[in-house]
N, C-alpha and C. Protein backbone atom coordinates (compact mmCIF):
# COMPACT_ATOMS: atom_id res chain seq x y z
N UNK A 1 2.69 16.69 12.42
CA UNK A 1 2.36 15.21 12.41
C UNK A 1 1.21 14.96 11.26
N UNK A 2 1.42 14.30 10.24
CA UNK A 2 0.54 14.05 9.10
C UNK A 2 0.03 12.70 9.22
N UNK A 3 -1.37 12.70 8.60
CA UNK A 3 -1.94 11.36 8.65
C UNK A 3 -1.60 10.98 7.33
N UNK A 4 -0.74 9.69 7.21
CA UNK A 4 -0.47 8.87 6.07
C UNK A 4 -1.29 7.76 6.06
N UNK A 5 -1.53 7.44 4.79
CA UNK A 5 -2.23 6.01 4.38
C UNK A 5 -1.28 5.41 3.23
N UNK A 6 -0.83 4.13 4.03
CA UNK A 6 0.46 3.41 3.03
C UNK A 6 -0.27 2.10 2.61
N UNK A 7 0.09 1.81 1.36
CA UNK A 7 -0.32 0.29 0.86
C UNK A 7 0.74 -0.71 1.08
N UNK A 8 0.39 -1.66 1.72
CA UNK A 8 1.51 -2.82 1.74
C UNK A 8 0.94 -3.98 0.80
N UNK A 9 2.10 -4.89 0.29
CA UNK A 9 1.74 -5.96 -0.51
C UNK A 9 3.17 -6.71 -0.67
N UNK A 10 2.70 -8.03 -0.73
CA UNK A 10 3.74 -9.21 -0.78
C UNK A 10 3.10 -9.98 -1.57
N UNK A 11 4.02 -10.91 -2.55
CA UNK A 11 3.51 -12.07 -3.13
C UNK A 11 4.70 -13.02 -3.22
N UNK A 12 5.72 -12.76 -2.57
CA UNK A 12 7.07 -13.76 -2.47
C UNK A 12 7.22 -14.33 -1.21
N UNK A 13 7.44 -15.40 -0.90
CA UNK A 13 7.87 -16.01 0.21
C UNK A 13 6.49 -16.02 1.15
N UNK A 14 7.01 -15.62 2.52
CA UNK A 14 5.81 -15.97 3.45
C UNK A 14 5.03 -14.60 3.64
N UNK A 15 4.23 -14.40 2.89
CA UNK A 15 3.39 -13.00 2.52
C UNK A 15 3.07 -12.54 3.85
N UNK A 16 2.34 -13.46 4.76
CA UNK A 16 1.94 -12.85 6.04
C UNK A 16 2.98 -12.24 6.91
N UNK A 17 4.21 -13.18 7.14
CA UNK A 17 5.39 -12.65 7.81
C UNK A 17 5.80 -11.36 7.05
N UNK A 18 5.95 -11.09 5.81
CA UNK A 18 6.31 -10.12 5.06
C UNK A 18 5.49 -8.87 5.52
N UNK A 19 4.13 -8.95 5.71
CA UNK A 19 3.40 -7.67 5.84
C UNK A 19 3.52 -7.30 7.34
N UNK A 20 3.91 -8.45 8.24
CA UNK A 20 3.92 -8.30 9.54
C UNK A 20 5.13 -7.60 9.88
N UNK A 21 6.28 -7.87 9.35
CA UNK A 21 7.69 -7.38 9.29
C UNK A 21 7.64 -5.90 9.00
N UNK A 22 6.81 -5.73 7.78
CA UNK A 22 6.65 -4.24 7.35
C UNK A 22 5.93 -3.39 8.07
N UNK A 23 4.82 -3.90 9.04
CA UNK A 23 4.20 -3.07 9.78
C UNK A 23 5.14 -2.77 11.12
N UNK A 24 5.61 -3.82 11.53
CA UNK A 24 6.80 -3.65 12.81
C UNK A 24 7.80 -2.56 12.28
N UNK A 25 8.39 -2.63 11.26
CA UNK A 25 9.42 -1.77 10.78
C UNK A 25 8.96 -0.16 10.63
N UNK A 26 7.54 -0.16 9.86
CA UNK A 26 7.07 0.95 9.86
C UNK A 26 6.91 2.07 11.17
N UNK A 27 6.40 0.85 12.35
CA UNK A 27 6.08 1.60 13.45
C UNK A 27 7.25 2.02 13.90
N UNK A 28 8.45 1.34 14.02
CA UNK A 28 9.83 1.73 14.53
C UNK A 28 10.36 3.15 13.64
N UNK A 29 10.26 3.15 12.44
CA UNK A 29 11.02 4.21 11.68
C UNK A 29 10.38 5.11 11.08
N UNK A 30 8.64 4.93 10.90
CA UNK A 30 8.09 5.91 10.15
C UNK A 30 7.05 6.71 10.78
N UNK A 31 6.43 6.05 11.74
CA UNK A 31 5.27 6.72 12.59
C UNK A 31 4.33 5.40 13.14
N UNK A 32 3.53 6.23 14.15
CA UNK A 32 2.61 5.13 14.87
C UNK A 32 1.66 4.58 13.98
N UNK A 33 1.46 3.31 13.90
CA UNK A 33 0.13 3.06 13.48
C UNK A 33 -1.12 3.45 14.10
N UNK A 34 -2.17 4.06 13.17
CA UNK A 34 -3.25 4.39 13.85
C UNK A 34 -4.50 3.33 13.32
N UNK A 35 -4.15 2.99 12.45
CA UNK A 35 -5.57 1.78 11.88
C UNK A 35 -4.73 1.03 10.91
N UNK A 36 -5.06 -0.21 10.96
CA UNK A 36 -4.77 -1.18 9.85
C UNK A 36 -6.01 -2.13 9.40
N UNK A 37 -6.02 -2.26 8.09
CA UNK A 37 -7.17 -2.71 7.39
C UNK A 37 -7.12 -4.30 7.65
N UNK A 38 -8.12 -5.21 7.24
CA UNK A 38 -7.85 -6.43 7.21
C UNK A 38 -6.81 -6.82 6.08
N UNK A 39 -6.15 -8.00 5.82
CA UNK A 39 -5.45 -8.43 4.85
C UNK A 39 -6.08 -8.92 3.88
N UNK A 40 -6.14 -8.82 2.49
CA UNK A 40 -6.77 -9.16 1.22
C UNK A 40 -5.88 -9.96 0.31
N UNK A 41 -6.39 -11.00 -0.23
CA UNK A 41 -6.00 -12.01 -1.15
C UNK A 41 -6.30 -11.30 -2.36
N UNK A 42 -5.27 -10.88 -3.14
CA UNK A 42 -5.76 -10.24 -4.59
C UNK A 42 -5.01 -10.74 -5.74
N UNK A 43 -5.45 -10.71 -6.80
CA UNK A 43 -5.00 -11.21 -7.98
C UNK A 43 -3.72 -10.20 -8.38
N UNK A 44 -2.90 -10.66 -9.12
CA UNK A 44 -1.77 -9.61 -9.42
C UNK A 44 -2.39 -8.75 -10.58
N UNK A 45 -1.63 -7.42 -10.47
CA UNK A 45 -2.00 -6.42 -11.45
C UNK A 45 -0.63 -6.35 -12.50
N UNK A 46 -1.01 -6.45 -13.93
CA UNK A 46 -0.12 -6.13 -14.79
C UNK A 46 0.27 -7.35 -15.80
N UNK A 47 1.13 -7.29 -16.36
CA UNK A 47 1.31 -8.35 -17.56
C UNK A 47 2.18 -9.45 -17.00
N UNK A 48 2.68 -9.40 -15.98
CA UNK A 48 3.60 -10.55 -15.61
C UNK A 48 2.74 -11.71 -14.65
N UNK A 49 3.03 -12.81 -15.31
CA UNK A 49 2.19 -14.07 -14.51
C UNK A 49 2.89 -14.15 -13.43
N UNK A 50 2.34 -14.12 -12.17
CA UNK A 50 2.79 -14.35 -10.86
C UNK A 50 1.72 -14.64 -9.86
N UNK A 51 1.90 -15.21 -8.66
CA UNK A 51 1.40 -15.54 -7.58
C UNK A 51 0.31 -14.36 -7.14
N UNK A 52 -0.54 -14.87 -6.55
CA UNK A 52 -1.58 -13.58 -5.76
C UNK A 52 -0.63 -12.97 -4.58
N UNK A 53 -1.16 -11.64 -4.52
CA UNK A 53 -0.54 -10.76 -3.57
C UNK A 53 -1.59 -10.88 -2.13
N UNK A 54 -0.91 -10.50 -1.11
CA UNK A 54 -1.56 -10.26 0.19
C UNK A 54 -1.48 -8.78 0.14
N UNK A 55 -2.55 -8.05 0.19
CA UNK A 55 -2.35 -6.43 0.50
C UNK A 55 -3.20 -5.91 1.63
N UNK A 56 -2.68 -5.03 2.31
CA UNK A 56 -3.31 -4.26 3.39
C UNK A 56 -2.94 -2.79 3.21
N UNK A 57 -3.91 -1.98 3.86
CA UNK A 57 -3.57 -0.37 3.80
C UNK A 57 -3.63 -0.26 5.60
N UNK A 58 -2.59 0.69 5.84
CA UNK A 58 -2.61 1.09 7.21
C UNK A 58 -2.57 2.89 7.10
N UNK A 59 -2.85 3.12 8.28
CA UNK A 59 -2.86 4.67 8.55
C UNK A 59 -1.50 4.90 9.62
N UNK A 60 -0.78 5.65 9.26
CA UNK A 60 0.16 6.29 10.52
C UNK A 60 -0.02 7.37 10.77
N UNK A 61 0.44 7.99 11.68
CA UNK A 61 0.92 9.40 11.89
C UNK A 61 2.35 9.65 12.00
N UNK A 62 2.87 10.30 11.17
CA UNK A 62 4.27 10.35 10.94
C UNK A 62 4.76 12.22 10.98
N UNK A 63 6.15 12.29 11.20
CA UNK A 63 6.65 13.48 11.09
C UNK A 63 7.64 13.63 9.88
N UNK A 64 7.72 12.48 9.30
CA UNK A 64 8.66 12.28 8.20
C UNK A 64 8.00 13.05 7.07
N UNK A 65 8.70 13.94 6.35
CA UNK A 65 8.51 14.56 4.89
C UNK A 65 8.31 13.44 4.01
N UNK A 66 7.37 13.79 3.09
CA UNK A 66 7.29 12.63 1.96
C UNK A 66 8.36 12.13 1.36
N UNK A 67 9.37 12.66 0.93
CA UNK A 67 10.55 12.04 0.53
C UNK A 67 11.51 11.22 1.43
N UNK A 68 11.64 11.69 2.73
CA UNK A 68 12.09 11.03 3.77
C UNK A 68 11.49 9.79 4.21
N UNK A 69 9.94 9.74 4.06
CA UNK A 69 9.25 8.52 4.21
C UNK A 69 9.41 7.56 3.13
N UNK A 70 9.57 7.98 1.92
CA UNK A 70 9.74 7.13 0.75
C UNK A 70 11.17 6.17 0.96
N UNK A 71 12.09 7.21 1.34
CA UNK A 71 13.22 6.53 1.56
C UNK A 71 13.35 5.59 2.87
N UNK A 72 12.38 5.83 3.92
CA UNK A 72 12.50 4.63 4.94
C UNK A 72 11.81 3.40 4.47
N UNK A 73 10.58 3.56 3.62
CA UNK A 73 9.96 2.64 3.00
C UNK A 73 10.70 1.77 2.03
N UNK A 74 11.62 2.28 1.25
CA UNK A 74 12.45 1.56 0.28
C UNK A 74 13.39 0.72 1.28
N UNK A 75 14.19 1.37 2.20
CA UNK A 75 14.93 0.71 3.00
C UNK A 75 14.38 -0.65 3.79
N UNK A 76 13.03 -0.35 4.07
CA UNK A 76 12.26 -1.46 4.49
C UNK A 76 12.00 -2.63 3.63
N UNK A 77 11.67 -2.16 2.27
CA UNK A 77 11.67 -3.27 1.41
C UNK A 77 13.14 -3.88 0.87
N UNK A 78 13.87 -3.25 1.09
CA UNK A 78 15.24 -3.69 0.65
C UNK A 78 15.79 -4.75 1.89
N UNK A 79 15.51 -4.43 3.06
CA UNK A 79 15.72 -5.32 4.09
C UNK A 79 15.14 -6.74 3.87
N UNK A 80 13.81 -6.53 3.17
CA UNK A 80 12.96 -7.80 2.94
C UNK A 80 12.98 -8.45 1.83
N UNK A 81 14.53 -8.02 1.24
CA UNK A 81 14.88 -8.76 0.05
C UNK A 81 14.47 -8.08 -1.30
N UNK A 82 13.76 -7.24 -1.33
CA UNK A 82 13.43 -6.43 -2.68
C UNK A 82 14.65 -5.85 -3.31
N UNK A 83 14.95 -5.83 -4.74
CA UNK A 83 16.03 -5.23 -5.40
C UNK A 83 15.39 -4.55 -6.59
N UNK A 84 14.92 -3.31 -6.11
CA UNK A 84 14.19 -2.40 -7.20
C UNK A 84 15.17 -2.42 -8.45
N UNK A 85 16.55 -2.20 -8.38
CA UNK A 85 17.30 -2.16 -9.54
C UNK A 85 17.30 -3.10 -10.57
N UNK A 86 17.01 -4.48 -10.00
CA UNK A 86 17.13 -5.49 -11.05
C UNK A 86 15.60 -6.19 -11.27
N UNK A 87 14.62 -5.81 -10.71
CA UNK A 87 13.31 -6.45 -10.95
C UNK A 87 12.62 -5.95 -12.09
N UNK A 88 11.65 -6.89 -12.54
CA UNK A 88 10.77 -6.71 -13.54
C UNK A 88 9.61 -5.84 -13.22
N UNK A 89 9.47 -4.80 -13.99
CA UNK A 89 8.28 -3.81 -13.63
C UNK A 89 7.18 -4.74 -13.57
N UNK A 90 6.24 -4.23 -12.53
CA UNK A 90 4.94 -5.10 -12.29
C UNK A 90 5.24 -6.69 -11.92
N UNK A 91 6.47 -7.03 -11.48
CA UNK A 91 6.69 -8.30 -11.42
C UNK A 91 6.32 -8.66 -10.02
N UNK A 92 6.81 -9.89 -9.65
CA UNK A 92 6.77 -10.38 -8.35
C UNK A 92 7.24 -9.69 -7.31
N UNK A 93 7.04 -9.21 -5.86
CA UNK A 93 7.83 -8.68 -5.05
C UNK A 93 7.87 -9.01 -3.75
N UNK A 94 8.76 -9.40 -2.81
CA UNK A 94 8.70 -9.78 -1.58
C UNK A 94 8.08 -8.79 -0.68
N UNK A 95 8.03 -7.67 -1.04
CA UNK A 95 7.28 -6.18 -0.27
C UNK A 95 7.31 -5.23 -1.09
N UNK A 96 6.23 -4.66 -1.11
CA UNK A 96 5.89 -3.51 -2.15
C UNK A 96 5.16 -2.37 -0.86
N UNK A 97 5.88 -1.41 -0.83
CA UNK A 97 5.36 -0.36 0.33
C UNK A 97 5.08 0.94 -0.82
N UNK A 98 3.89 1.57 -0.66
CA UNK A 98 3.50 2.65 -1.31
C UNK A 98 2.73 3.76 -0.35
N UNK A 99 3.18 4.98 -0.52
CA UNK A 99 2.45 6.17 -0.13
C UNK A 99 1.19 6.36 -0.75
N UNK A 100 0.17 6.25 -0.19
CA UNK A 100 -0.92 6.41 -1.07
C UNK A 100 -1.42 8.01 -0.78
N UNK A 101 -1.43 8.51 0.41
CA UNK A 101 -1.66 9.94 0.80
C UNK A 101 -0.94 10.35 1.96
N UNK A 102 -0.57 11.40 1.81
CA UNK A 102 0.24 11.93 2.93
C UNK A 102 -0.30 13.45 3.17
N UNK A 103 -1.26 13.06 4.32
CA UNK A 103 -1.77 14.41 4.78
C UNK A 103 -2.76 15.25 3.66
N UNK A 104 -2.43 16.43 3.61
CA UNK A 104 -3.08 17.15 2.35
C UNK A 104 -2.11 17.60 1.58
N UNK A 105 -0.80 17.00 1.45
CA UNK A 105 0.04 17.25 0.59
C UNK A 105 -0.20 16.42 -0.80
N UNK A 106 0.22 17.36 -2.11
CA UNK A 106 0.00 16.78 -3.13
C UNK A 106 1.55 17.12 -3.75
N UNK A 107 2.32 16.02 -4.31
CA UNK A 107 3.64 15.90 -4.69
C UNK A 107 3.77 15.40 -6.07
N UNK A 108 4.55 16.11 -6.74
CA UNK A 108 4.78 15.47 -8.28
C UNK A 108 6.13 15.77 -8.47
N UNK A 109 7.04 14.76 -8.13
CA UNK A 109 8.59 14.84 -8.11
C UNK A 109 9.03 13.63 -9.10
N UNK A 110 10.14 13.48 -9.50
CA UNK A 110 10.55 12.23 -9.97
C UNK A 110 10.65 11.26 -9.08
N UNK A 111 10.14 10.05 -9.24
CA UNK A 111 9.97 9.09 -8.62
C UNK A 111 8.84 9.01 -7.17
N UNK A 112 8.11 10.18 -7.20
CA UNK A 112 7.30 10.25 -6.07
C UNK A 112 6.03 11.21 -6.24
N UNK A 113 4.79 10.58 -6.47
CA UNK A 113 3.60 10.99 -6.89
C UNK A 113 2.55 11.02 -5.53
N UNK A 114 2.10 12.07 -5.16
CA UNK A 114 1.14 11.60 -3.76
C UNK A 114 0.06 12.85 -4.24
N UNK A 115 -1.26 12.31 -3.94
CA UNK A 115 -1.58 10.96 -3.77
C UNK A 115 -1.20 9.82 -5.06
N UNK A 116 -1.16 8.80 -4.53
CA UNK A 116 -0.55 7.85 -5.51
C UNK A 116 -1.46 7.73 -6.78
N UNK A 117 -0.70 7.80 -7.96
CA UNK A 117 -1.71 7.98 -9.33
C UNK A 117 -2.52 7.46 -9.75
N UNK A 118 -2.77 5.99 -9.21
CA UNK A 118 -3.55 4.87 -9.68
C UNK A 118 -4.56 4.46 -8.58
N UNK A 119 -4.64 5.44 -7.47
CA UNK A 119 -5.19 4.66 -6.29
C UNK A 119 -6.67 4.61 -6.67
N UNK A 120 -7.45 5.49 -7.62
CA UNK A 120 -8.74 5.43 -7.79
C UNK A 120 -9.14 4.30 -8.69
N UNK A 121 -8.11 3.58 -9.38
CA UNK A 121 -8.25 2.55 -10.16
C UNK A 121 -8.07 1.32 -9.76
N UNK A 122 -7.33 0.99 -8.48
CA UNK A 122 -7.03 -0.43 -8.08
C UNK A 122 -7.76 -0.78 -6.83
N UNK A 123 -8.52 -1.78 -7.03
CA UNK A 123 -9.30 -2.53 -6.17
C UNK A 123 -8.58 -2.92 -4.91
N UNK A 124 -7.33 -3.42 -5.11
CA UNK A 124 -6.45 -3.90 -4.08
C UNK A 124 -6.18 -2.93 -3.00
N UNK A 125 -6.18 -1.67 -3.59
CA UNK A 125 -6.00 -0.39 -2.55
C UNK A 125 -7.41 0.01 -2.15
N UNK A 126 -8.33 0.23 -2.95
CA UNK A 126 -9.57 0.81 -2.57
C UNK A 126 -10.37 0.07 -1.51
N UNK A 127 -10.22 -1.31 -1.55
CA UNK A 127 -11.04 -2.41 -0.81
C UNK A 127 -10.54 -2.16 0.73
N UNK A 128 -9.09 -2.20 0.97
CA UNK A 128 -8.53 -2.20 2.12
C UNK A 128 -8.73 -0.48 2.61
N UNK A 129 -8.60 0.44 1.85
CA UNK A 129 -8.74 1.83 2.30
C UNK A 129 -10.13 2.14 2.62
N UNK A 130 -11.39 1.53 1.92
CA UNK A 130 -12.70 1.89 2.27
C UNK A 130 -12.79 1.27 3.72
N UNK A 131 -12.06 0.21 4.13
CA UNK A 131 -12.46 -0.60 5.27
C UNK A 131 -11.99 0.20 6.40
N UNK A 132 -11.07 1.19 6.27
CA UNK A 132 -10.51 2.04 7.43
C UNK A 132 -10.91 3.45 7.37
N UNK A 133 -11.20 4.03 6.04
CA UNK A 133 -11.57 5.19 5.65
C UNK A 133 -12.47 5.55 4.55
N UNK A 134 -13.75 4.89 4.99
CA UNK A 134 -14.89 5.02 3.82
C UNK A 134 -15.27 6.48 3.48
N UNK A 135 -15.15 7.46 4.18
CA UNK A 135 -15.53 8.73 4.22
C UNK A 135 -14.47 9.58 3.52
N UNK A 136 -12.97 8.99 3.70
CA UNK A 136 -12.10 9.83 3.11
C UNK A 136 -12.37 10.24 1.55
N UNK A 137 -12.17 11.58 1.18
CA UNK A 137 -12.62 11.93 -0.02
C UNK A 137 -11.18 11.99 -1.03
N UNK A 138 -11.32 11.50 -2.01
CA UNK A 138 -10.14 11.55 -3.29
C UNK A 138 -10.82 12.25 -4.42
N UNK A 139 -10.18 13.28 -4.93
CA UNK A 139 -10.58 13.98 -6.11
C UNK A 139 -12.15 14.24 -6.14
N UNK A 140 -12.51 14.61 -4.91
CA UNK A 140 -13.85 15.15 -4.65
C UNK A 140 -15.01 13.96 -4.47
N UNK A 141 -14.30 12.80 -4.29
CA UNK A 141 -15.36 11.54 -4.10
C UNK A 141 -14.83 10.71 -3.13
N UNK A 142 -15.84 10.44 -2.43
CA UNK A 142 -15.52 9.26 -0.97
C UNK A 142 -15.24 8.24 -1.66
N UNK A 143 -14.09 7.34 -1.06
CA UNK A 143 -13.53 6.39 -1.39
C UNK A 143 -14.70 5.32 -1.44
N UNK A 144 -15.46 5.17 -0.69
CA UNK A 144 -16.63 4.21 -0.65
C UNK A 144 -17.36 4.26 -2.12
N UNK A 145 -17.47 5.52 -2.56
CA UNK A 145 -18.09 5.96 -3.86
C UNK A 145 -17.13 5.44 -5.04
N UNK A 146 -15.77 5.55 -4.97
CA UNK A 146 -14.78 5.30 -5.75
C UNK A 146 -14.90 3.67 -5.90
N UNK A 147 -14.96 3.17 -4.91
CA UNK A 147 -14.95 1.59 -4.97
C UNK A 147 -16.02 1.11 -5.71
N UNK A 148 -17.30 1.57 -5.49
CA UNK A 148 -18.54 1.18 -5.94
C UNK A 148 -18.31 1.02 -7.73
N UNK A 149 -17.36 2.12 -8.22
CA UNK A 149 -17.35 2.31 -9.42
C UNK A 149 -16.27 1.28 -10.22
N UNK A 150 -15.84 0.35 -9.47
CA UNK A 150 -14.74 -0.30 -10.12
C UNK A 150 -15.04 -1.90 -9.85
N UNK A 151 -14.37 -2.83 -10.61
CA UNK A 151 -14.63 -4.09 -10.15
C UNK A 151 -13.61 -4.69 -9.11
N UNK A 152 -14.45 -5.24 -8.20
CA UNK A 152 -13.36 -5.63 -6.95
C UNK A 152 -13.68 -7.24 -6.67
N UNK A 153 -14.07 -7.88 -7.71
CA UNK A 153 -14.30 -9.36 -7.72
C UNK A 153 -12.89 -10.06 -7.35
N UNK A 154 -11.79 -9.43 -7.77
CA UNK A 154 -10.46 -10.14 -7.53
C UNK A 154 -9.95 -9.75 -6.19
N UNK A 155 -10.65 -9.24 -5.25
CA UNK A 155 -10.21 -9.03 -3.96
C UNK A 155 -10.80 -9.59 -2.89
N UNK A 156 -10.39 -10.51 -2.13
CA UNK A 156 -11.11 -11.42 -1.13
C UNK A 156 -10.40 -11.09 0.36
N UNK A 157 -11.27 -10.97 1.36
CA UNK A 157 -10.57 -10.96 2.53
C UNK A 157 -9.64 -12.35 2.68
N UNK A 158 -8.38 -12.29 3.25
CA UNK A 158 -7.85 -13.29 3.39
C UNK A 158 -8.22 -14.18 4.70
N UNK A 159 -8.19 -15.49 4.41
CA UNK A 159 -8.46 -16.40 5.33
C UNK A 159 -7.33 -17.54 5.28
N UNK A 160 -6.64 -17.77 6.27
CA UNK A 160 -5.33 -18.49 5.99
C UNK A 160 -5.79 -20.16 6.07
N UNK A 161 -6.97 -20.19 6.69
CA UNK A 161 -7.52 -21.83 6.72
C UNK A 161 -8.09 -22.26 5.36
């Protein structure tokens, strides 16, 4: 059983419902949710103009190997309407599910890199990750310290009111 951190994001349709659907599907197919961050409203990352995302990080305990977990996450995305084959890179997504960390595994394969290759650069990942695992160490540095090194002004706790 591995402790796995997943990044969840949505900026198309009912974003809150998309994240809720993802959490439900993950708990049924990938592993038991052990912790979940707050949901954050975040500015989109990349060159494509688009609406803000809602992002969240969850911790699951999973028996799935990294490649099997990735396949399960892609199926959840597909069921939510994501069409990876025809989407614009860094464009809008109904659902975006990423494996951030999979236990102590380091994976470098076609289409799968763990830890996620840009985890230390992205506030929309580090802010919710620091909420549930501030002492987690990446590349020899605690997540809380990594977060202090980047601009996180574009990430705000989501308040639907």
